[in-house]
N, C-alpha and C. Protein backbone atom coordinates (compact mmCIF):
# COMPACT_ATOMS: atom_id res chain seq x y z
N MET A 1 0.86 -1.17 0.00
CA MET A 1 0.00 0.00 0.00
C MET A 1 0.90 1.22 0.00
N GLN A 2 0.54 2.18 -0.80
CA GLN A 2 1.25 3.45 -0.84
C GLN A 2 0.22 4.56 -0.73
N TYR A 3 0.53 5.55 0.06
CA TYR A 3 -0.39 6.66 0.23
C TYR A 3 -0.18 7.67 -0.89
N VAL A 4 -1.27 8.27 -1.34
CA VAL A 4 -1.19 9.31 -2.36
C VAL A 4 -1.82 10.57 -1.79
N ASP A 5 -1.43 11.71 -2.33
CA ASP A 5 -2.01 12.97 -1.89
C ASP A 5 -3.47 13.02 -2.29
N GLU A 6 -4.28 13.64 -1.42
CA GLU A 6 -5.69 13.79 -1.76
C GLU A 6 -5.82 14.64 -3.01
N GLY A 7 -6.76 14.27 -3.82
CA GLY A 7 -6.98 15.00 -5.05
C GLY A 7 -6.22 14.42 -6.22
N GLU A 8 -5.26 13.53 -5.94
CA GLU A 8 -4.56 12.87 -7.05
C GLU A 8 -5.51 11.84 -7.64
N GLY A 9 -5.78 11.96 -8.91
CA GLY A 9 -6.71 11.04 -9.55
C GLY A 9 -6.08 9.74 -9.97
N ALA A 10 -4.76 9.71 -10.01
CA ALA A 10 -4.07 8.51 -10.46
C ALA A 10 -2.92 8.20 -9.52
N PRO A 11 -2.56 6.93 -9.42
CA PRO A 11 -1.42 6.58 -8.58
C PRO A 11 -0.12 7.09 -9.21
N PRO A 12 0.94 7.22 -8.40
CA PRO A 12 2.23 7.67 -8.94
C PRO A 12 2.73 6.75 -10.06
N ALA A 13 3.40 7.35 -11.03
CA ALA A 13 3.86 6.60 -12.21
C ALA A 13 4.74 5.42 -11.83
N GLU A 14 5.62 5.58 -10.84
CA GLU A 14 6.51 4.47 -10.46
C GLU A 14 5.72 3.30 -9.87
N LEU A 15 4.62 3.59 -9.20
CA LEU A 15 3.78 2.52 -8.66
C LEU A 15 3.05 1.79 -9.79
N VAL A 16 2.58 2.54 -10.75
CA VAL A 16 1.91 1.94 -11.91
C VAL A 16 2.87 1.02 -12.66
N GLU A 17 4.10 1.48 -12.85
CA GLU A 17 5.10 0.69 -13.57
C GLU A 17 5.46 -0.58 -12.78
N HIS A 18 5.62 -0.44 -11.48
CA HIS A 18 5.92 -1.60 -10.65
C HIS A 18 4.79 -2.63 -10.74
N ALA A 19 3.57 -2.19 -10.64
CA ALA A 19 2.42 -3.10 -10.73
C ALA A 19 2.39 -3.78 -12.08
N ARG A 20 2.63 -3.01 -13.15
CA ARG A 20 2.62 -3.58 -14.50
C ARG A 20 3.65 -4.69 -14.63
N ARG A 21 4.86 -4.46 -14.09
CA ARG A 21 5.91 -5.48 -14.17
C ARG A 21 5.53 -6.75 -13.40
N GLN A 22 4.70 -6.62 -12.39
CA GLN A 22 4.27 -7.76 -11.58
C GLN A 22 3.02 -8.43 -12.15
N GLY A 23 2.49 -7.89 -13.25
CA GLY A 23 1.27 -8.44 -13.83
C GLY A 23 0.03 -8.04 -13.04
N ALA A 24 0.11 -6.89 -12.39
CA ALA A 24 -1.00 -6.41 -11.56
C ALA A 24 -1.45 -5.05 -12.06
N GLY A 25 -2.33 -4.45 -11.33
CA GLY A 25 -2.80 -3.11 -11.64
C GLY A 25 -2.89 -2.31 -10.36
N CYS A 26 -3.17 -1.04 -10.48
CA CYS A 26 -3.34 -0.22 -9.28
C CYS A 26 -4.24 0.96 -9.60
N ILE A 27 -4.92 1.40 -8.57
CA ILE A 27 -5.76 2.58 -8.67
C ILE A 27 -5.53 3.41 -7.42
N ALA A 28 -5.86 4.69 -7.48
CA ALA A 28 -5.76 5.57 -6.31
C ALA A 28 -7.16 5.84 -5.80
N VAL A 29 -7.36 5.62 -4.50
CA VAL A 29 -8.64 5.89 -3.86
C VAL A 29 -8.35 6.64 -2.57
N SER A 30 -8.95 7.80 -2.41
CA SER A 30 -8.81 8.57 -1.18
C SER A 30 -9.94 8.17 -0.24
N ALA A 31 -9.58 7.52 0.87
CA ALA A 31 -10.58 7.09 1.85
C ALA A 31 -11.31 8.30 2.43
N ARG A 32 -10.60 9.38 2.67
CA ARG A 32 -11.22 10.58 3.24
C ARG A 32 -12.26 11.17 2.28
N ILE A 33 -11.89 11.31 1.02
CA ILE A 33 -12.82 11.87 0.05
C ILE A 33 -14.02 10.94 -0.14
N GLU A 34 -13.79 9.64 -0.22
CA GLU A 34 -14.88 8.69 -0.38
C GLU A 34 -15.82 8.73 0.82
N ALA A 35 -15.27 8.89 2.03
CA ALA A 35 -16.11 8.98 3.23
C ALA A 35 -16.96 10.24 3.19
N GLU A 36 -16.36 11.35 2.77
CA GLU A 36 -17.12 12.60 2.66
C GLU A 36 -18.23 12.48 1.61
N LEU A 37 -17.91 11.88 0.48
CA LEU A 37 -18.90 11.70 -0.58
C LEU A 37 -20.05 10.81 -0.12
N ALA A 38 -19.75 9.80 0.69
CA ALA A 38 -20.78 8.88 1.16
C ALA A 38 -21.79 9.58 2.07
N GLU A 39 -21.39 10.67 2.71
CA GLU A 39 -22.29 11.40 3.61
C GLU A 39 -23.16 12.41 2.89
N LEU A 40 -22.85 12.70 1.63
CA LEU A 40 -23.60 13.71 0.88
C LEU A 40 -24.82 13.10 0.19
N PRO A 41 -25.88 13.89 0.01
CA PRO A 41 -27.00 13.42 -0.81
C PRO A 41 -26.52 13.13 -2.24
N GLY A 42 -27.23 12.26 -2.95
CA GLY A 42 -26.82 11.79 -4.28
C GLY A 42 -26.37 12.86 -5.25
N GLY A 43 -27.20 13.91 -5.43
CA GLY A 43 -26.87 14.96 -6.39
C GLY A 43 -25.62 15.73 -6.01
N GLU A 44 -25.47 16.02 -4.72
CA GLU A 44 -24.29 16.75 -4.26
C GLU A 44 -23.03 15.91 -4.40
N ALA A 45 -23.15 14.61 -4.13
CA ALA A 45 -22.00 13.71 -4.27
C ALA A 45 -21.54 13.65 -5.73
N ILE A 46 -22.50 13.59 -6.64
CA ILE A 46 -22.17 13.54 -8.08
C ILE A 46 -21.47 14.83 -8.48
N GLU A 47 -21.98 15.96 -8.01
CA GLU A 47 -21.38 17.26 -8.34
C GLU A 47 -19.96 17.37 -7.78
N MET A 48 -19.77 16.97 -6.52
CA MET A 48 -18.44 17.05 -5.92
C MET A 48 -17.47 16.10 -6.63
N ARG A 49 -17.95 14.89 -6.95
CA ARG A 49 -17.10 13.93 -7.65
C ARG A 49 -16.67 14.51 -9.00
N SER A 50 -17.60 15.19 -9.69
CA SER A 50 -17.29 15.82 -10.98
C SER A 50 -16.25 16.92 -10.81
N GLU A 51 -16.40 17.75 -9.78
CA GLU A 51 -15.44 18.82 -9.51
C GLU A 51 -14.04 18.27 -9.23
N LEU A 52 -13.99 17.08 -8.61
CA LEU A 52 -12.71 16.46 -8.28
C LEU A 52 -12.13 15.67 -9.46
N GLY A 53 -12.90 15.57 -10.54
CA GLY A 53 -12.43 14.83 -11.71
C GLY A 53 -12.52 13.33 -11.56
N LEU A 54 -13.42 12.88 -10.68
CA LEU A 54 -13.60 11.45 -10.46
C LEU A 54 -14.86 11.00 -11.21
N ALA A 55 -14.69 10.15 -12.19
CA ALA A 55 -15.82 9.73 -13.03
C ALA A 55 -16.80 8.83 -12.29
N GLU A 56 -16.31 8.02 -11.37
CA GLU A 56 -17.17 7.09 -10.66
C GLU A 56 -16.65 6.90 -9.24
N PRO A 57 -17.49 6.36 -8.35
CA PRO A 57 -17.07 6.13 -6.97
C PRO A 57 -15.87 5.19 -6.89
N GLY A 58 -15.10 5.33 -5.82
CA GLY A 58 -13.91 4.52 -5.62
C GLY A 58 -14.19 3.03 -5.62
N LEU A 59 -15.30 2.63 -5.01
CA LEU A 59 -15.64 1.21 -4.98
C LEU A 59 -15.88 0.68 -6.38
N GLU A 60 -16.57 1.46 -7.21
CA GLU A 60 -16.80 1.03 -8.60
C GLU A 60 -15.48 0.92 -9.36
N ARG A 61 -14.58 1.87 -9.12
CA ARG A 61 -13.27 1.80 -9.79
C ARG A 61 -12.49 0.57 -9.32
N LEU A 62 -12.57 0.28 -8.02
CA LEU A 62 -11.87 -0.88 -7.46
C LEU A 62 -12.42 -2.18 -8.04
N VAL A 63 -13.74 -2.31 -8.08
CA VAL A 63 -14.35 -3.53 -8.63
C VAL A 63 -14.01 -3.66 -10.12
N GLY A 64 -14.08 -2.55 -10.85
CA GLY A 64 -13.73 -2.59 -12.27
C GLY A 64 -12.28 -3.02 -12.50
N ALA A 65 -11.38 -2.51 -11.67
CA ALA A 65 -9.97 -2.88 -11.79
C ALA A 65 -9.77 -4.36 -11.44
N ALA A 66 -10.50 -4.85 -10.45
CA ALA A 66 -10.39 -6.26 -10.07
C ALA A 66 -10.90 -7.16 -11.20
N TYR A 67 -12.04 -6.79 -11.81
CA TYR A 67 -12.57 -7.57 -12.93
C TYR A 67 -11.57 -7.59 -14.09
N GLU A 68 -10.96 -6.44 -14.35
CA GLU A 68 -9.98 -6.37 -15.44
C GLU A 68 -8.77 -7.24 -15.14
N LEU A 69 -8.27 -7.15 -13.91
CA LEU A 69 -7.10 -7.94 -13.52
C LEU A 69 -7.40 -9.44 -13.57
N LEU A 70 -8.60 -9.82 -13.14
CA LEU A 70 -8.97 -11.23 -13.12
C LEU A 70 -9.53 -11.71 -14.46
N ASP A 71 -9.66 -10.78 -15.42
CA ASP A 71 -10.16 -11.08 -16.76
C ASP A 71 -11.56 -11.68 -16.71
N LEU A 72 -12.47 -10.97 -16.01
CA LEU A 72 -13.85 -11.43 -15.86
C LEU A 72 -14.80 -10.58 -16.68
N VAL A 73 -15.91 -11.18 -17.06
CA VAL A 73 -17.04 -10.46 -17.65
C VAL A 73 -18.25 -10.70 -16.75
N THR A 74 -19.26 -9.87 -16.91
CA THR A 74 -20.50 -10.04 -16.17
C THR A 74 -21.60 -10.43 -17.15
N PHE A 75 -22.33 -11.49 -16.79
CA PHE A 75 -23.54 -11.83 -17.55
C PHE A 75 -24.69 -11.84 -16.56
N PHE A 76 -25.89 -11.72 -17.09
CA PHE A 76 -27.08 -11.62 -16.26
C PHE A 76 -28.03 -12.75 -16.56
N THR A 77 -28.74 -13.19 -15.52
CA THR A 77 -29.83 -14.13 -15.69
C THR A 77 -31.07 -13.46 -15.12
N ALA A 78 -32.18 -13.60 -15.82
CA ALA A 78 -33.44 -13.01 -15.37
C ALA A 78 -34.58 -13.80 -15.99
N HIS A 79 -35.54 -14.15 -15.16
CA HIS A 79 -36.75 -14.80 -15.67
C HIS A 79 -37.87 -14.61 -14.65
N ARG A 80 -39.09 -14.88 -15.10
CA ARG A 80 -40.26 -14.70 -14.23
C ARG A 80 -40.11 -15.49 -12.95
N GLY A 81 -40.55 -14.87 -11.86
CA GLY A 81 -40.54 -15.54 -10.58
C GLY A 81 -39.20 -15.53 -9.87
N SER A 82 -38.23 -14.86 -10.45
CA SER A 82 -36.90 -14.82 -9.86
C SER A 82 -36.28 -13.45 -10.13
N GLU A 83 -35.49 -13.00 -9.20
CA GLU A 83 -34.83 -11.70 -9.39
C GLU A 83 -33.70 -11.82 -10.41
N ALA A 84 -33.43 -10.72 -11.07
CA ALA A 84 -32.30 -10.67 -12.01
C ALA A 84 -31.01 -10.78 -11.20
N ARG A 85 -30.04 -11.51 -11.73
CA ARG A 85 -28.77 -11.68 -11.03
C ARG A 85 -27.62 -11.43 -11.98
N ALA A 86 -26.61 -10.75 -11.45
CA ALA A 86 -25.36 -10.56 -12.18
C ALA A 86 -24.41 -11.67 -11.74
N ARG A 87 -23.72 -12.25 -12.70
CA ARG A 87 -22.80 -13.35 -12.41
C ARG A 87 -21.48 -13.10 -13.12
N ALA A 88 -20.41 -13.47 -12.47
CA ALA A 88 -19.07 -13.30 -13.05
C ALA A 88 -18.66 -14.57 -13.78
N LEU A 89 -17.94 -14.39 -14.87
CA LEU A 89 -17.44 -15.51 -15.67
C LEU A 89 -16.12 -15.08 -16.29
N ARG A 90 -15.16 -15.98 -16.32
CA ARG A 90 -13.87 -15.65 -16.93
C ARG A 90 -14.07 -15.37 -18.42
N ARG A 91 -13.46 -14.30 -18.90
CA ARG A 91 -13.56 -13.91 -20.31
C ARG A 91 -13.13 -15.07 -21.19
N GLY A 92 -13.90 -15.30 -22.26
CA GLY A 92 -13.57 -16.36 -23.22
C GLY A 92 -14.32 -17.66 -22.97
N LEU A 93 -15.04 -17.75 -21.83
CA LEU A 93 -15.79 -18.98 -21.57
C LEU A 93 -17.14 -18.93 -22.29
N THR A 94 -17.79 -20.06 -22.34
CA THR A 94 -18.97 -20.25 -23.21
C THR A 94 -20.29 -20.23 -22.45
N ALA A 95 -21.36 -20.29 -23.22
CA ALA A 95 -22.71 -20.36 -22.65
C ALA A 95 -22.85 -21.63 -21.80
N TRP A 96 -22.22 -22.70 -22.21
CA TRP A 96 -22.25 -23.93 -21.42
C TRP A 96 -21.59 -23.71 -20.07
N ASP A 97 -20.46 -22.99 -20.05
CA ASP A 97 -19.80 -22.67 -18.79
C ASP A 97 -20.68 -21.76 -17.93
N ALA A 98 -21.35 -20.79 -18.58
CA ALA A 98 -22.25 -19.89 -17.86
C ALA A 98 -23.39 -20.68 -17.22
N ALA A 99 -23.90 -21.68 -17.92
CA ALA A 99 -24.97 -22.52 -17.36
C ALA A 99 -24.49 -23.19 -16.08
N GLY A 100 -23.24 -23.61 -16.05
CA GLY A 100 -22.68 -24.23 -14.87
C GLY A 100 -22.54 -23.26 -13.70
N ARG A 101 -22.36 -21.97 -14.00
CA ARG A 101 -22.30 -20.96 -12.93
C ARG A 101 -23.67 -20.79 -12.29
N VAL A 102 -24.74 -21.05 -13.07
CA VAL A 102 -26.09 -20.94 -12.53
C VAL A 102 -26.40 -22.18 -11.69
N HIS A 103 -26.22 -23.36 -12.28
CA HIS A 103 -26.46 -24.61 -11.56
C HIS A 103 -25.92 -25.76 -12.39
N THR A 104 -25.28 -26.72 -11.75
CA THR A 104 -24.69 -27.84 -12.49
C THR A 104 -25.74 -28.68 -13.21
N ASP A 105 -26.95 -28.78 -12.65
CA ASP A 105 -28.02 -29.52 -13.33
C ASP A 105 -28.42 -28.83 -14.63
N ILE A 106 -28.42 -27.51 -14.63
CA ILE A 106 -28.74 -26.75 -15.84
C ILE A 106 -27.67 -26.98 -16.89
N GLN A 107 -26.41 -26.98 -16.45
CA GLN A 107 -25.31 -27.23 -17.37
C GLN A 107 -25.42 -28.63 -17.98
N ALA A 108 -25.74 -29.62 -17.16
CA ALA A 108 -25.82 -31.00 -17.64
C ALA A 108 -26.92 -31.17 -18.68
N GLY A 109 -28.02 -30.42 -18.55
CA GLY A 109 -29.12 -30.56 -19.49
C GLY A 109 -29.17 -29.46 -20.53
N PHE A 110 -28.08 -28.73 -20.72
CA PHE A 110 -28.04 -27.59 -21.63
C PHE A 110 -28.56 -27.96 -23.03
N VAL A 111 -29.49 -27.16 -23.53
CA VAL A 111 -30.00 -27.34 -24.89
C VAL A 111 -29.58 -26.15 -25.74
N ARG A 112 -29.86 -24.94 -25.25
CA ARG A 112 -29.50 -23.73 -25.98
C ARG A 112 -29.53 -22.54 -25.02
N ALA A 113 -29.00 -21.43 -25.49
CA ALA A 113 -29.03 -20.20 -24.71
C ALA A 113 -29.73 -19.13 -25.55
N GLU A 114 -30.61 -18.39 -24.91
CA GLU A 114 -31.24 -17.23 -25.55
C GLU A 114 -30.51 -16.02 -25.00
N VAL A 115 -29.96 -15.19 -25.90
CA VAL A 115 -29.03 -14.14 -25.49
C VAL A 115 -29.44 -12.79 -26.08
N ILE A 116 -29.29 -11.77 -25.25
CA ILE A 116 -29.47 -10.39 -25.68
C ILE A 116 -28.59 -9.52 -24.78
N GLY A 117 -28.03 -8.46 -25.32
CA GLY A 117 -27.26 -7.52 -24.51
C GLY A 117 -28.18 -6.76 -23.56
N TRP A 118 -27.70 -6.43 -22.38
CA TRP A 118 -28.58 -5.77 -21.41
C TRP A 118 -29.09 -4.43 -21.92
N ARG A 119 -28.26 -3.69 -22.62
CA ARG A 119 -28.68 -2.38 -23.14
C ARG A 119 -29.78 -2.56 -24.18
N GLU A 120 -29.63 -3.56 -25.07
CA GLU A 120 -30.67 -3.85 -26.06
C GLU A 120 -31.98 -4.21 -25.39
N LEU A 121 -31.91 -5.01 -24.33
CA LEU A 121 -33.11 -5.43 -23.60
C LEU A 121 -33.81 -4.23 -22.98
N VAL A 122 -33.06 -3.36 -22.35
CA VAL A 122 -33.64 -2.16 -21.73
C VAL A 122 -34.22 -1.24 -22.79
N ASP A 123 -33.46 -1.01 -23.86
CA ASP A 123 -33.93 -0.13 -24.94
C ASP A 123 -35.20 -0.67 -25.60
N ALA A 124 -35.32 -1.99 -25.68
CA ALA A 124 -36.50 -2.60 -26.29
C ALA A 124 -37.72 -2.49 -25.38
N GLY A 125 -37.49 -2.32 -24.09
CA GLY A 125 -38.60 -2.22 -23.15
C GLY A 125 -38.98 -3.53 -22.50
N GLY A 126 -38.11 -4.53 -22.58
CA GLY A 126 -38.37 -5.80 -21.93
C GLY A 126 -38.32 -6.97 -22.90
N TYR A 127 -38.57 -8.16 -22.35
CA TYR A 127 -38.47 -9.38 -23.15
C TYR A 127 -39.51 -9.43 -24.27
N GLY A 128 -40.75 -9.05 -23.99
CA GLY A 128 -41.80 -9.12 -25.01
C GLY A 128 -41.45 -8.33 -26.26
N PRO A 129 -41.19 -7.03 -26.11
CA PRO A 129 -40.81 -6.24 -27.29
C PRO A 129 -39.50 -6.72 -27.94
N ALA A 130 -38.57 -7.22 -27.13
CA ALA A 130 -37.30 -7.71 -27.69
C ALA A 130 -37.54 -8.94 -28.56
N ARG A 131 -38.43 -9.83 -28.11
CA ARG A 131 -38.77 -11.02 -28.92
C ARG A 131 -39.47 -10.61 -30.21
N GLU A 132 -40.44 -9.69 -30.08
CA GLU A 132 -41.18 -9.23 -31.26
C GLU A 132 -40.25 -8.56 -32.27
N GLY A 133 -39.23 -7.89 -31.78
CA GLY A 133 -38.28 -7.21 -32.66
C GLY A 133 -37.16 -8.11 -33.16
N GLY A 134 -37.18 -9.37 -32.77
CA GLY A 134 -36.15 -10.32 -33.23
C GLY A 134 -34.78 -10.03 -32.66
N LEU A 135 -34.72 -9.45 -31.48
CA LEU A 135 -33.44 -9.06 -30.89
C LEU A 135 -32.78 -10.17 -30.06
N ILE A 136 -33.57 -11.16 -29.67
CA ILE A 136 -33.03 -12.24 -28.85
C ILE A 136 -32.48 -13.33 -29.77
N ARG A 137 -31.22 -13.65 -29.57
CA ARG A 137 -30.54 -14.65 -30.41
C ARG A 137 -30.55 -16.02 -29.73
N THR A 138 -30.62 -17.07 -30.52
CA THR A 138 -30.46 -18.42 -30.01
C THR A 138 -29.03 -18.85 -30.29
N GLU A 139 -28.34 -19.26 -29.22
CA GLU A 139 -26.94 -19.63 -29.34
C GLU A 139 -26.73 -21.04 -28.78
N GLY A 140 -25.71 -21.70 -29.27
CA GLY A 140 -25.37 -23.04 -28.81
C GLY A 140 -24.40 -23.00 -27.65
N ARG A 141 -23.99 -24.18 -27.24
CA ARG A 141 -23.11 -24.31 -26.07
C ARG A 141 -21.74 -23.68 -26.27
N ASP A 142 -21.29 -23.50 -27.51
CA ASP A 142 -19.97 -22.94 -27.77
C ASP A 142 -19.95 -21.42 -27.90
N TYR A 143 -21.11 -20.78 -27.74
CA TYR A 143 -21.18 -19.32 -27.81
C TYR A 143 -20.31 -18.71 -26.71
N VAL A 144 -19.41 -17.81 -27.09
CA VAL A 144 -18.55 -17.13 -26.11
C VAL A 144 -19.32 -15.96 -25.50
N VAL A 145 -19.51 -16.03 -24.20
CA VAL A 145 -20.29 -15.02 -23.48
C VAL A 145 -19.56 -13.68 -23.51
N ARG A 146 -20.34 -12.63 -23.80
CA ARG A 146 -19.79 -11.27 -23.83
C ARG A 146 -20.23 -10.50 -22.60
N ASP A 147 -19.42 -9.55 -22.21
CA ASP A 147 -19.74 -8.70 -21.06
C ASP A 147 -21.08 -8.02 -21.29
N GLY A 148 -22.01 -8.18 -20.33
CA GLY A 148 -23.31 -7.53 -20.43
C GLY A 148 -24.40 -8.38 -21.06
N ASP A 149 -24.09 -9.60 -21.45
CA ASP A 149 -25.12 -10.48 -22.01
C ASP A 149 -26.17 -10.82 -20.95
N VAL A 150 -27.42 -10.87 -21.38
CA VAL A 150 -28.51 -11.41 -20.55
C VAL A 150 -28.83 -12.75 -21.17
N ILE A 151 -28.71 -13.81 -20.38
CA ILE A 151 -28.79 -15.16 -20.91
C ILE A 151 -29.90 -15.95 -20.23
N THR A 152 -30.72 -16.59 -21.04
CA THR A 152 -31.71 -17.55 -20.55
C THR A 152 -31.27 -18.91 -21.07
N ILE A 153 -30.98 -19.82 -20.15
CA ILE A 153 -30.51 -21.15 -20.53
C ILE A 153 -31.73 -22.06 -20.63
N ARG A 154 -31.88 -22.69 -21.77
CA ARG A 154 -32.94 -23.68 -21.96
C ARG A 154 -32.32 -25.05 -21.75
N HIS A 155 -32.96 -25.83 -20.91
CA HIS A 155 -32.42 -27.17 -20.58
C HIS A 155 -33.53 -28.19 -20.51
């Protein structure tokens, strides 16, 4: 751990280089600033973060850096009677692997995956309009899952 001056948006260059040589990454997060932002109402926190040149909260930057370092993507599962869930999967893995992240029984009985990007699903206004518009694709077990896919596994 190395301390950085408050207001520094990036870690020192020598720390970045050291991390790169080790196959790691680094970000700068000011605990004091994050604590102050957490106490502010939403709009004020966004305004202060903007004034400080911080695009997103420290926790979001930390999680994003961890996902990048671990080479993970996020896919979503959502269906009637169950809440939508975000799930992590190593980049380059398939719909069959994603089925196994949901449940091994689903993976064993995998037939196909119905896939749509989350932004497309939201823009369409839900599953019904997305189906009517032909936006949901049918993919096989070898489909490589992309970051942000919403997947329904048929088994």
